[in-house]
């Protein structure tokens, strides 16, 4: 699924994503970012995600895979 980075701190190693198919924001941790690269606000990414049992920093979903999206054609 395609998502967009809302906020990400390279220093803290976490941030938030949004996707049209998901109600609310998705938590992202650096450990699942492909190549452990940093992210930036507004960046498009491809993700897999899962629901959380309890909120993580206000998010009810967590990304399980994050890859930079290829440029739109």
Protein backbone atom coordinates (compact mmCIF):
# COMPACT_ATOMS: atom_id res chain seq x y z
CA UNK A 1 0.00 0.00 0.00
CA UNK A 2 1.18 3.52 -0.73
CA UNK A 3 1.47 5.98 2.18
CA UNK A 4 2.95 9.39 2.88
CA UNK A 5 5.29 10.45 5.68
CA UNK A 6 3.59 13.01 7.94
CA UNK A 7 6.46 13.43 10.37
CA UNK A 8 9.72 11.59 11.01
CA UNK A 9 12.64 12.27 13.35
CA UNK A 10 15.94 10.81 12.12
CA UNK A 11 17.43 11.57 15.56
CA UNK A 12 14.71 9.69 17.49
CA UNK A 13 14.17 7.03 14.81
CA UNK A 14 10.41 7.11 14.56
CA UNK A 15 7.53 8.97 12.97
CA UNK A 16 4.05 8.78 11.48
CA UNK A 17 2.54 7.90 8.12
CA UNK A 18 -0.90 8.34 6.56
CA UNK A 19 -2.64 6.24 3.92
CA UNK A 20 -6.05 6.69 2.29
CA UNK A 21 -7.06 3.15 3.27
CA UNK A 22 -6.34 3.62 7.00
CA UNK A 23 -8.29 5.73 9.50
CA UNK A 24 -5.67 7.57 11.55
CA UNK A 25 -1.91 7.71 11.49
CA UNK A 26 0.49 4.75 11.28
CA UNK A 27 3.51 4.51 13.62
CA UNK A 28 6.84 3.83 11.90
CA UNK A 29 10.14 2.84 13.58
CA UNK A 30 13.54 3.04 11.86
CA UNK A 31 14.13 -0.70 12.36
CA UNK A 32 11.63 -1.57 9.60
CA UNK A 33 12.65 1.10 7.07
CA UNK A 34 14.29 -0.55 4.06
CA UNK A 35 18.04 0.04 4.16
CA UNK A 36 17.61 1.89 7.49
CA UNK A 37 17.43 5.14 5.52
CA UNK A 38 15.92 8.23 7.03
CA UNK A 39 12.53 9.51 5.94
CA UNK A 40 11.28 13.04 5.33
CA UNK A 41 7.88 14.70 5.62
CA UNK A 42 5.89 14.45 2.39
CA UNK A 43 7.87 11.46 1.09
CA UNK A 44 5.84 8.68 -0.59
CA UNK A 45 6.52 5.15 0.68
CA UNK A 46 5.23 1.62 0.12
CA UNK A 47 4.17 -0.07 3.36
CA UNK A 48 2.70 -3.10 5.07
CA UNK A 49 1.10 -2.50 8.45
CA UNK A 50 -0.79 -4.17 11.29
CA UNK A 51 -3.22 -3.02 13.97
CA UNK A 52 -1.86 -2.55 17.49
CA UNK A 53 -3.58 -3.89 20.65
CA UNK A 54 -3.02 -0.57 22.37
CA UNK A 55 -2.01 2.82 21.03
CA UNK A 56 1.68 3.51 20.33
CA UNK A 57 2.32 7.25 20.64
CA UNK A 58 -1.33 7.87 19.71
CA UNK A 59 -1.36 5.49 16.71
CA UNK A 60 -3.51 2.35 16.45
CA UNK A 61 -1.50 0.91 13.55
CA UNK A 62 2.19 0.12 13.09
CA UNK A 63 4.13 -0.24 9.84
CA UNK A 64 5.78 -3.64 9.40
CA UNK A 65 7.61 -2.74 6.16
CA UNK A 66 8.55 0.63 4.67
CA UNK A 67 10.20 1.07 1.25
CA UNK A 68 10.66 4.34 -0.62
CA UNK A 69 8.01 4.49 -3.36
CA UNK A 70 9.19 4.64 -6.95
CA UNK A 71 8.59 8.02 -8.61
CA UNK A 72 5.11 8.42 -10.11
CA UNK A 73 5.05 7.91 -13.86
